[in-house]
């Protein structure tokens, strides 16, 4: 079905290499809201792929999108967020897929494993939130939602996150800013330990048990799994837990796939690859 998606001004802060990009977490919220009207909660999903960036022009206030839902034999739904683009030279219209998800009935949710603790065999490498957003994940202020100090070690990364109080579109997944900030933490880890700037390109499974709420604080723990290569062309998988202040798990992502989508054009700063404190910075 065709749908006009409103674009709040703060989305211009979700920009990389001079381009504002519609966040993958917002695409998931749009698809989950559509799926929730099909006798499914929209909170249990998997087989996610974010194939192409959806760019937002300066001053653009809405997207003409297609939210496509298709039933599967096992009561699941496949959802896709699409746009149409007309080529200026030829006049040919092409359909572009930006996000694809499979939504499962709640009874098919996986058992959520316990949060894996940080490894104790090596010193923790700390990065201040201001350095994360100044040099490593240079989004605008609406997306500066890691707070305090990011703690990294070989097995993963732990981040403190605060969900901002911004006018988000409603949906079954709660505040999308929290998982987005967890992606930022994973991106910092790939820069420190793999030498590339990782972007999320998909995941195997996600369960939202207690949707995050604006104005509240959360802890994200991303545990590094398998990876291939380093530098240009690298990829890295993570399992991610979002935990509330009372210690209960709010959501879980298995098999988050982070990849160098810039073919090595964007490189991490030397100080983080060398595992040194940022010059002039204090922890």
C-alpha atoms as a PDB file:
ATOM      1  CA  UNK A   1       0.000   0.000   0.000  1.00  0.00           C
ATOM      2  CA  UNK A   2       1.153   3.535  -0.726  1.00  0.00           C
ATOM      3  CA  UNK A   3       1.814   5.717   2.276  1.00  0.00           C
ATOM      4  CA  UNK A   4       3.160   9.188   2.877  1.00  0.00           C
ATOM      5  CA  UNK A   5       5.692   9.064   5.718  1.00  0.00           C
ATOM      6  CA  UNK A   6       6.129  12.347   7.565  1.00  0.00           C
ATOM      7  CA  UNK A   7       9.718  13.497   8.058  1.00  0.00           C
ATOM      8  CA  UNK A   8      10.316  15.457  11.279  1.00  0.00           C
ATOM      9  CA  UNK A   9      13.052  18.074  10.965  1.00  0.00           C
ATOM     10  CA  UNK A  10      15.334  16.167  13.356  1.00  0.00           C
ATOM     11  CA  UNK A  11      15.857  13.453  10.735  1.00  0.00           C
ATOM     12  CA  UNK A  12      18.255  15.858   9.004  1.00  0.00           C
ATOM     13  CA  UNK A  13      20.612  15.085  11.917  1.00  0.00           C
ATOM     14  CA  UNK A  14      20.790  11.449  10.740  1.00  0.00           C
ATOM     15  CA  UNK A  15      23.359  12.363   8.103  1.00  0.00           C
ATOM     16  CA  UNK A  16      26.550  10.726   6.878  1.00  0.00           C
ATOM     17  CA  UNK A  17      28.954  12.052   4.229  1.00  0.00           C
ATOM     18  CA  UNK A  18      26.672  15.049   3.741  1.00  0.00           C
ATOM     19  CA  UNK A  19      23.555  12.953   3.061  1.00  0.00           C
ATOM     20  CA  UNK A  20      20.556  12.711   5.396  1.00  0.00           C
ATOM     21  CA  UNK A  21      19.423   9.072   5.538  1.00  0.00           C
ATOM     22  CA  UNK A  22      16.128   7.636   6.723  1.00  0.00           C
ATOM     23  CA  UNK A  23      17.143   5.424   9.673  1.00  0.00           C
ATOM     24  CA  UNK A  24      16.777   1.653   9.442  1.00  0.00           C
ATOM     25  CA  UNK A  25      15.114   1.697  12.876  1.00  0.00           C
ATOM     26  CA  UNK A  26      12.452   4.098  11.540  1.00  0.00           C
ATOM     27  CA  UNK A  27      11.829   1.785   8.573  1.00  0.00           C
ATOM     28  CA  UNK A  28      11.290  -1.066  11.036  1.00  0.00           C
ATOM     29  CA  UNK A  29       8.807   1.038  13.006  1.00  0.00           C
ATOM     30  CA  UNK A  30       6.814   1.829   9.854  1.00  0.00           C
ATOM     31  CA  UNK A  31       6.675  -1.824   8.803  1.00  0.00           C
ATOM     32  CA  UNK A  32       5.892  -3.046  12.323  1.00  0.00           C
ATOM     33  CA  UNK A  33       2.975  -0.597  12.574  1.00  0.00           C
ATOM     34  CA  UNK A  34       1.606  -1.906   9.278  1.00  0.00           C
ATOM     35  CA  UNK A  35       2.063  -5.529  10.373  1.00  0.00           C
ATOM     36  CA  UNK A  36       0.373  -4.874  13.727  1.00  0.00           C
ATOM     37  CA  UNK A  37      -2.868  -4.318  11.842  1.00  0.00           C
ATOM     38  CA  UNK A  38      -2.690  -7.853  10.449  1.00  0.00           C
ATOM     39  CA  UNK A  39      -3.372  -9.833  13.665  1.00  0.00           C
ATOM     40  CA  UNK A  40       0.290  -9.785  14.619  1.00  0.00           C
ATOM     41  CA  UNK A  41       2.060  -7.659  17.234  1.00  0.00           C
ATOM     42  CA  UNK A  42       4.922  -6.558  14.967  1.00  0.00           C
ATOM     43  CA  UNK A  43       7.420  -6.967  17.818  1.00  0.00           C
ATOM     44  CA  UNK A  44       8.926 -10.319  16.783  1.00  0.00           C
ATOM     45  CA  UNK A  45      10.868 -10.179  13.547  1.00  0.00           C
ATOM     46  CA  UNK A  46      13.843 -11.544  11.653  1.00  0.00           C
ATOM     47  CA  UNK A  47      15.555 -12.033   8.292  1.00  0.00           C
ATOM     48  CA  UNK A  48      16.041  -8.278   8.116  1.00  0.00           C
ATOM     49  CA  UNK A  49      17.921  -6.629   5.274  1.00  0.00           C
ATOM     50  CA  UNK A  50      18.544  -2.927   4.699  1.00  0.00           C
ATOM     51  CA  UNK A  51      19.615  -2.982   1.088  1.00  0.00           C
ATOM     52  CA  UNK A  52      19.736   0.633  -0.064  1.00  0.00           C
ATOM     53  CA  UNK A  53      19.973   3.958   1.707  1.00  0.00           C
ATOM     54  CA  UNK A  54      16.829   6.088   1.569  1.00  0.00           C
ATOM     55  CA  UNK A  55      18.081   9.641   1.201  1.00  0.00           C
ATOM     56  CA  UNK A  56      16.189  12.652   2.540  1.00  0.00           C
ATOM     57  CA  UNK A  57      16.582  15.917   0.638  1.00  0.00           C
ATOM     58  CA  UNK A  58      17.108  19.137   2.560  1.00  0.00           C
ATOM     59  CA  UNK A  59      13.705  20.579   3.418  1.00  0.00           C
ATOM     60  CA  UNK A  60      11.834  17.403   2.420  1.00  0.00           C
ATOM     61  CA  UNK A  61       8.876  16.865   4.740  1.00  0.00           C
ATOM     62  CA  UNK A  62       7.511  13.501   3.591  1.00  0.00           C
ATOM     63  CA  UNK A  63       8.355  10.347   1.666  1.00  0.00           C
ATOM     64  CA  UNK A  64       6.057   8.713  -0.868  1.00  0.00           C
ATOM     65  CA  UNK A  65       6.640   5.114   0.185  1.00  0.00           C
ATOM     66  CA  UNK A  66       5.156   1.698  -0.447  1.00  0.00           C
ATOM     67  CA  UNK A  67       4.692  -0.572   2.567  1.00  0.00           C
ATOM     68  CA  UNK A  68       4.268  -4.048   1.133  1.00  0.00           C
ATOM     69  CA  UNK A  69       3.057  -6.965   3.283  1.00  0.00           C
ATOM     70  CA  UNK A  70       2.830 -10.551   2.059  1.00  0.00           C
ATOM     71  CA  UNK A  71       1.562 -13.572   4.006  1.00  0.00           C
ATOM     72  CA  UNK A  72       3.680 -16.689   4.442  1.00  0.00           C
ATOM     73  CA  UNK A  73       2.600 -20.287   5.091  1.00  0.00           C
ATOM     74  CA  UNK A  74       3.615 -20.246   8.765  1.00  0.00           C
ATOM     75  CA  UNK A  75       1.442 -17.228   9.699  1.00  0.00           C
ATOM     76  CA  UNK A  76       4.367 -14.890   9.333  1.00  0.00           C
ATOM     77  CA  UNK A  77       4.389 -11.740   7.224  1.00  0.00           C
ATOM     78  CA  UNK A  78       7.112 -10.424   4.954  1.00  0.00           C
ATOM     79  CA  UNK A  79       7.269  -6.640   4.940  1.00  0.00           C
ATOM     80  CA  UNK A  80       9.136  -4.368   2.554  1.00  0.00           C
ATOM     81  CA  UNK A  81       9.587  -0.604   2.493  1.00  0.00           C
ATOM     82  CA  UNK A  82       9.918   0.573  -1.105  1.00  0.00           C
ATOM     83  CA  UNK A  83      10.108   3.817  -3.055  1.00  0.00           C
ATOM     84  CA  UNK A  84       9.761   4.588  -6.747  1.00  0.00           C
ATOM     85  CA  UNK A  85      12.361   6.642  -8.563  1.00  0.00           C
ATOM     86  CA  UNK A  86      11.980   8.047 -12.074  1.00  0.00           C
ATOM     87  CA  UNK A  87      15.222   8.317 -14.001  1.00  0.00           C
ATOM     88  CA  UNK A  88      15.615  11.839 -15.395  1.00  0.00           C
ATOM     89  CA  UNK A  89      17.349  10.813 -18.594  1.00  0.00           C
ATOM     90  CA  UNK A  90      15.073   7.952 -19.666  1.00  0.00           C
ATOM     91  CA  UNK A  91      11.842   8.581 -17.788  1.00  0.00           C
ATOM     92  CA  UNK A  92      11.899   4.951 -16.643  1.00  0.00           C
ATOM     93  CA  UNK A  93      10.494   4.368 -13.143  1.00  0.00           C
ATOM     94  CA  UNK A  94      12.308   1.929 -10.897  1.00  0.00           C
ATOM     95  CA  UNK A  95      11.251   0.474  -7.569  1.00  0.00           C
ATOM     96  CA  UNK A  96      13.911   0.470  -4.857  1.00  0.00           C
ATOM     97  CA  UNK A  97      13.802  -1.727  -1.761  1.00  0.00           C
ATOM     98  CA  UNK A  98      15.157  -0.062   1.382  1.00  0.00           C
ATOM     99  CA  UNK A  99      14.123  -2.466   4.146  1.00  0.00           C
ATOM    100  CA  UNK A 100      12.832  -6.027   4.298  1.00  0.00           C
ATOM    101  CA  UNK A 101      11.628  -7.882   7.423  1.00  0.00           C
ATOM    102  CA  UNK A 102       9.801 -11.065   8.307  1.00  0.00           C
ATOM    103  CA  UNK A 103       7.324 -10.680  11.195  1.00  0.00           C
ATOM    104  CA  UNK A 104       6.481 -13.740  13.267  1.00  0.00           C
ATOM    105  CA  UNK A 105       3.574 -14.542  15.604  1.00  0.00           C
ATOM    106  CA  UNK A 106       4.460 -13.897  19.240  1.00  0.00           C
ATOM    107  CA  UNK A 107       4.396 -17.603  20.085  1.00  0.00           C
ATOM    108  CA  UNK A 108       7.342 -18.091  17.704  1.00  0.00           C
ATOM    109  CA  UNK A 109       9.594 -15.814  19.728  1.00  0.00           C
ATOM    110  CA  UNK A 110      12.939 -17.320  20.628  1.00  0.00           C
ATOM    111  CA  UNK A 111      14.073 -17.754  24.218  1.00  0.00           C
ATOM    112  CA  UNK A 112      16.128 -14.672  25.063  1.00  0.00           C
ATOM    113  CA  UNK A 113      19.558 -15.680  26.382  1.00  0.00           C
ATOM    114  CA  UNK A 114      21.041 -14.021  29.437  1.00  0.00           C
ATOM    115  CA  UNK A 115      23.084 -10.913  28.777  1.00  0.00           C
ATOM    116  CA  UNK A 116      26.730 -11.833  28.332  1.00  0.00           C
ATOM    117  CA  UNK A 117      29.000  -9.846  30.660  1.00  0.00           C
ATOM    118  CA  UNK A 118      32.089  -7.972  29.590  1.00  0.00           C
ATOM    119  CA  UNK A 119      35.216 -10.085  29.328  1.00  0.00           C
ATOM    120  CA  UNK A 120      37.583  -9.711  32.243  1.00  0.00           C
ATOM    121  CA  UNK A 121      40.862 -10.609  30.551  1.00  0.00           C
ATOM    122  CA  UNK A 122      41.876  -7.259  29.121  1.00  0.00           C
ATOM    123  CA  UNK A 123      41.707  -3.575  30.065  1.00  0.00           C
ATOM    124  CA  UNK A 124      38.575  -1.736  29.032  1.00  0.00           C
ATOM    125  CA  UNK A 125      39.074   0.917  26.352  1.00  0.00           C
ATOM    126  CA  UNK A 126      36.883   3.952  27.053  1.00  0.00           C
ATOM    127  CA  UNK A 127      35.576   6.568  24.635  1.00  0.00           C
ATOM    128  CA  UNK A 128      33.663   9.646  25.746  1.00  0.00           C
ATOM    129  CA  UNK A 129      30.246  10.184  24.182  1.00  0.00           C
ATOM    130  CA  UNK A 130      31.332  13.577  22.842  1.00  0.00           C
ATOM    131  CA  UNK A 131      34.221  11.931  20.981  1.00  0.00           C
ATOM    132  CA  UNK A 132      31.887   9.268  19.589  1.00  0.00           C
ATOM    133  CA  UNK A 133      29.730  11.919  17.963  1.00  0.00           C
ATOM    134  CA  UNK A 134      32.487  14.346  17.052  1.00  0.00           C
ATOM    135  CA  UNK A 135      34.702  11.893  15.170  1.00  0.00           C
ATOM    136  CA  UNK A 136      33.379   8.327  15.034  1.00  0.00           C
ATOM    137  CA  UNK A 137      29.629   8.560  14.375  1.00  0.00           C
ATOM    138  CA  UNK A 138      29.228  12.213  13.309  1.00  0.00           C
ATOM    139  CA  UNK A 139      25.428  12.467  13.357  1.00  0.00           C
ATOM    140  CA  UNK A 140      23.674  15.651  14.454  1.00  0.00           C
ATOM    141  CA  UNK A 141      22.549  16.379  18.030  1.00  0.00           C
ATOM    142  CA  UNK A 142      19.171  14.614  17.847  1.00  0.00           C
ATOM    143  CA  UNK A 143      21.115  11.359  17.540  1.00  0.00           C
ATOM    144  CA  UNK A 144      23.639  11.991  20.325  1.00  0.00           C
ATOM    145  CA  UNK A 145      21.977   9.460  22.596  1.00  0.00           C
ATOM    146  CA  UNK A 146      24.947   7.544  23.997  1.00  0.00           C
ATOM    147  CA  UNK A 147      25.746   9.204  27.315  1.00  0.00           C
ATOM    148  CA  UNK A 148      28.783   9.166  29.567  1.00  0.00           C
ATOM    149  CA  UNK A 149      31.569   6.836  28.507  1.00  0.00           C
ATOM    150  CA  UNK A 150      31.462   3.960  26.039  1.00  0.00           C
ATOM    151  CA  UNK A 151      33.303   0.872  27.327  1.00  0.00           C
ATOM    152  CA  UNK A 152      34.925  -1.436  24.773  1.00  0.00           C
ATOM    153  CA  UNK A 153      36.869  -4.670  25.058  1.00  0.00           C
ATOM    154  CA  UNK A 154      37.654  -7.455  22.628  1.00  0.00           C
ATOM    155  CA  UNK A 155      34.408  -9.283  23.281  1.00  0.00           C
ATOM    156  CA  UNK A 156      32.040  -6.362  22.833  1.00  0.00           C
ATOM    157  CA  UNK A 157      30.884  -2.929  23.940  1.00  0.00           C
ATOM    158  CA  UNK A 158      28.643  -1.515  26.665  1.00  0.00           C
ATOM    159  CA  UNK A 159      26.828   1.795  26.259  1.00  0.00           C
ATOM    160  CA  UNK A 160      24.599   3.955  28.418  1.00  0.00           C
ATOM    161  CA  UNK A 161      21.755   5.376  26.344  1.00  0.00           C
ATOM    162  CA  UNK A 162      19.036   7.917  26.988  1.00  0.00           C
ATOM    163  CA  UNK A 163      15.951   7.988  24.784  1.00  0.00           C
ATOM    164  CA  UNK A 164      15.347  11.613  23.759  1.00  0.00           C
ATOM    165  CA  UNK A 165      11.992  13.310  24.105  1.00  0.00           C
ATOM    166  CA  UNK A 166      11.332  14.045  20.443  1.00  0.00           C
ATOM    167  CA  UNK A 167       8.035  13.785  18.526  1.00  0.00           C
ATOM    168  CA  UNK A 168       8.422  10.254  17.192  1.00  0.00           C
ATOM    169  CA  UNK A 169       5.703   8.602  15.112  1.00  0.00           C
ATOM    170  CA  UNK A 170       3.930   6.033  17.276  1.00  0.00           C
ATOM    171  CA  UNK A 171       4.431   2.337  16.756  1.00  0.00           C
ATOM    172  CA  UNK A 172       4.718  -1.021  18.503  1.00  0.00           C
ATOM    173  CA  UNK A 173       8.514  -0.857  18.862  1.00  0.00           C
ATOM    174  CA  UNK A 174       8.679   2.112  21.236  1.00  0.00           C
ATOM    175  CA  UNK A 175      11.437   4.719  20.917  1.00  0.00           C
ATOM    176  CA  UNK A 176      13.595   3.864  17.921  1.00  0.00           C
ATOM    177  CA  UNK A 177      16.474   6.005  19.185  1.00  0.00           C
ATOM    178  CA  UNK A 178      17.673   3.427  21.708  1.00  0.00           C
ATOM    179  CA  UNK A 179      18.465   0.623  19.271  1.00  0.00           C
ATOM    180  CA  UNK A 180      19.881   3.213  16.869  1.00  0.00           C
ATOM    181  CA  UNK A 181      22.332   4.312  19.584  1.00  0.00           C
ATOM    182  CA  UNK A 182      23.257   0.651  20.173  1.00  0.00           C
ATOM    183  CA  UNK A 183      24.153   0.510  16.471  1.00  0.00           C
ATOM    184  CA  UNK A 184      26.432   3.520  17.076  1.00  0.00           C
ATOM    185  CA  UNK A 185      28.199   1.598  19.836  1.00  0.00           C
ATOM    186  CA  UNK A 186      28.722  -1.387  17.520  1.00  0.00           C
ATOM    187  CA  UNK A 187      30.068   0.998  14.870  1.00  0.00           C
ATOM    188  CA  UNK A 188      32.664   2.308  17.331  1.00  0.00           C
ATOM    189  CA  UNK A 189      33.673  -1.292  18.141  1.00  0.00           C
ATOM    190  CA  UNK A 190      34.272  -2.108  14.450  1.00  0.00           C
ATOM    191  CA  UNK A 191      36.459   0.959  14.154  1.00  0.00           C
ATOM    192  CA  UNK A 192      38.517   0.075  17.221  1.00  0.00           C
ATOM    193  CA  UNK A 193      38.942  -3.667  16.616  1.00  0.00           C
ATOM    194  CA  UNK A 194      38.365  -4.165  12.876  1.00  0.00           C
ATOM    195  CA  UNK A 195      39.555  -0.915  11.328  1.00  0.00           C
ATOM    196  CA  UNK A 196      36.375  -0.089   9.385  1.00  0.00           C
ATOM    197  CA  UNK A 197      33.275   2.061   9.856  1.00  0.00           C
ATOM    198  CA  UNK A 198      30.451  -0.448  10.210  1.00  0.00           C
ATOM    199  CA  UNK A 199      26.831   0.276   9.257  1.00  0.00           C
ATOM    200  CA  UNK A 200      23.906  -2.056  10.036  1.00  0.00           C
ATOM    201  CA  UNK A 201      22.804  -3.970   6.928  1.00  0.00           C
ATOM    202  CA  UNK A 202      20.488  -6.516   8.571  1.00  0.00           C
ATOM    203  CA  UNK A 203      19.977  -8.991  11.389  1.00  0.00           C
ATOM    204  CA  UNK A 204      18.727 -12.539  11.948  1.00  0.00           C
ATOM    205  CA  UNK A 205      16.218 -12.014  14.764  1.00  0.00           C
ATOM    206  CA  UNK A 206      14.801  -9.232  16.960  1.00  0.00           C
ATOM    207  CA  UNK A 207      12.332  -9.360  19.836  1.00  0.00           C
ATOM    208  CA  UNK A 208      10.941  -6.222  21.491  1.00  0.00           C
ATOM    209  CA  UNK A 209       9.686  -7.333  24.901  1.00  0.00           C
ATOM    210  CA  UNK A 210       9.296  -3.986  26.672  1.00  0.00           C
ATOM    211  CA  UNK A 211       9.347  -1.072  24.202  1.00  0.00           C
ATOM    212  CA  UNK A 212      11.767   1.712  25.154  1.00  0.00           C
ATOM    213  CA  UNK A 213      10.154   4.959  26.253  1.00  0.00           C
ATOM    214  CA  UNK A 214      11.228   8.554  25.660  1.00  0.00           C
ATOM    215  CA  UNK A 215      13.039  10.191  28.561  1.00  0.00           C
ATOM    216  CA  UNK A 216      14.291   6.954  30.121  1.00  0.00           C
ATOM    217  CA  UNK A 217      17.810   5.533  30.394  1.00  0.00           C
ATOM    218  CA  UNK A 218      18.936   2.118  29.132  1.00  0.00           C
ATOM    219  CA  UNK A 219      22.072   0.008  28.913  1.00  0.00           C
ATOM    220  CA  UNK A 220      23.044  -1.611  25.631  1.00  0.00           C
ATOM    221  CA  UNK A 221      25.403  -4.562  25.528  1.00  0.00           C
ATOM    222  CA  UNK A 222      26.661  -5.630  22.075  1.00  0.00           C
ATOM    223  CA  UNK A 223      28.651  -8.876  22.072  1.00  0.00           C
ATOM    224  CA  UNK A 224      30.919  -9.447  19.087  1.00  0.00           C
ATOM    225  CA  UNK A 225      30.420 -12.656  17.134  1.00  0.00           C
ATOM    226  CA  UNK A 226      31.882 -13.750  13.830  1.00  0.00           C
ATOM    227  CA  UNK A 227      33.644 -11.321  11.533  1.00  0.00           C
ATOM    228  CA  UNK A 228      35.433 -11.384   8.225  1.00  0.00           C
ATOM    229  CA  UNK A 229      38.218  -9.173   7.020  1.00  0.00           C
ATOM    230  CA  UNK A 230      39.338  -5.857   8.380  1.00  0.00           C
ATOM    231  CA  UNK A 231      39.449  -2.406   6.896  1.00  0.00           C
ATOM    232  CA  UNK A 232      37.758  -2.029   3.489  1.00  0.00           C
ATOM    233  CA  UNK A 233      35.158  -4.724   2.857  1.00  0.00           C
ATOM    234  CA  UNK A 234      35.038  -5.890   6.456  1.00  0.00           C
ATOM    235  CA  UNK A 235      31.953  -7.259   8.227  1.00  0.00           C
ATOM    236  CA  UNK A 236      31.143  -8.071  11.830  1.00  0.00           C
ATOM    237  CA  UNK A 237      28.203  -9.700  13.621  1.00  0.00           C
ATOM    238  CA  UNK A 238      26.876  -8.870  17.098  1.00  0.00           C
ATOM    239  CA  UNK A 239      24.213  -9.987  19.528  1.00  0.00           C
ATOM    240  CA  UNK A 240      22.629  -6.976  21.230  1.00  0.00           C
ATOM    241  CA  UNK A 241      20.668  -6.597  24.466  1.00  0.00           C
ATOM    242  CA  UNK A 242      18.820  -3.446  25.561  1.00  0.00           C
ATOM    243  CA  UNK A 243      18.307  -3.462  29.336  1.00  0.00           C
ATOM    244  CA  UNK A 244      16.178  -1.108  31.460  1.00  0.00           C
ATOM    245  CA  UNK A 245      17.317   0.486  34.730  1.00  0.00           C
ATOM    246  CA  UNK A 246      15.555  -2.272  36.690  1.00  0.00           C
ATOM    247  CA  UNK A 247      17.729  -4.913  34.984  1.00  0.00           C
ATOM    248  CA  UNK A 248      15.023  -6.423  32.804  1.00  0.00           C
ATOM    249  CA  UNK A 249      15.710  -6.998  29.105  1.00  0.00           C
ATOM    250  CA  UNK A 250      13.661  -4.693  26.873  1.00  0.00           C
ATOM    251  CA  UNK A 251      14.778  -6.065  23.528  1.00  0.00           C
ATOM    252  CA  UNK A 252      17.222  -8.476  21.992  1.00  0.00           C
ATOM    253  CA  UNK A 253      18.825  -8.678  18.543  1.00  0.00           C
ATOM    254  CA  UNK A 254      20.598 -11.823  17.384  1.00  0.00           C
ATOM    255  CA  UNK A 255      22.978 -11.692  14.470  1.00  0.00           C
ATOM    256  CA  UNK A 256      23.207  -7.949  13.826  1.00  0.00           C
ATOM    257  CA  UNK A 257      25.261  -7.587  10.650  1.00  0.00           C
ATOM    258  CA  UNK A 258      27.579  -4.578  10.486  1.00  0.00           C
ATOM    259  CA  UNK A 259      29.432  -3.970   7.249  1.00  0.00           C
ATOM    260  CA  UNK A 260      31.781  -1.477   5.616  1.00  0.00           C
ATOM    261  CA  UNK A 261      29.304  -0.044   3.093  1.00  0.00           C
ATOM    262  CA  UNK A 262      31.750   2.699   2.074  1.00  0.00           C
ATOM    263  CA  UNK A 263      34.269   0.340   0.408  1.00  0.00           C
ATOM    264  CA  UNK A 264      37.029   1.781   2.567  1.00  0.00           C
ATOM    265  CA  UNK A 265      36.392   5.418   1.562  1.00  0.00           C
ATOM    266  CA  UNK A 266      35.685   6.392   5.156  1.00  0.00           C
ATOM    267  CA  UNK A 267      38.396   5.401   7.598  1.00  0.00           C
ATOM    268  CA  UNK A 268      38.468   5.456  11.404  1.00  0.00           C
ATOM    269  CA  UNK A 269      40.756   8.038  13.017  1.00  0.00           C
ATOM    270  CA  UNK A 270      44.215   6.755  13.829  1.00  0.00           C
ATOM    271  CA  UNK A 271      43.853   7.208  17.586  1.00  0.00           C
ATOM    272  CA  UNK A 272      41.074   4.664  17.975  1.00  0.00           C
ATOM    273  CA  UNK A 273      42.662   2.071  15.694  1.00  0.00           C
ATOM    274  CA  UNK A 274      45.825   2.330  17.778  1.00  0.00           C
ATOM    275  CA  UNK A 275      43.833   1.945  20.980  1.00  0.00           C
ATOM    276  CA  UNK A 276      45.092   5.237  22.379  1.00  0.00           C
ATOM    277  CA  UNK A 277      43.213   7.856  24.304  1.00  0.00           C
ATOM    278  CA  UNK A 278      42.108  10.684  22.058  1.00  0.00           C
ATOM    279  CA  UNK A 279      44.721  13.463  22.186  1.00  0.00           C
ATOM    280  CA  UNK A 280      43.569  16.190  24.554  1.00  0.00           C
ATOM    281  CA  UNK A 281      40.736  14.062  25.906  1.00  0.00           C
ATOM    282  CA  UNK A 282      40.216  12.988  29.481  1.00  0.00           C
ATOM    283  CA  UNK A 283      38.326   9.935  30.767  1.00  0.00           C
END
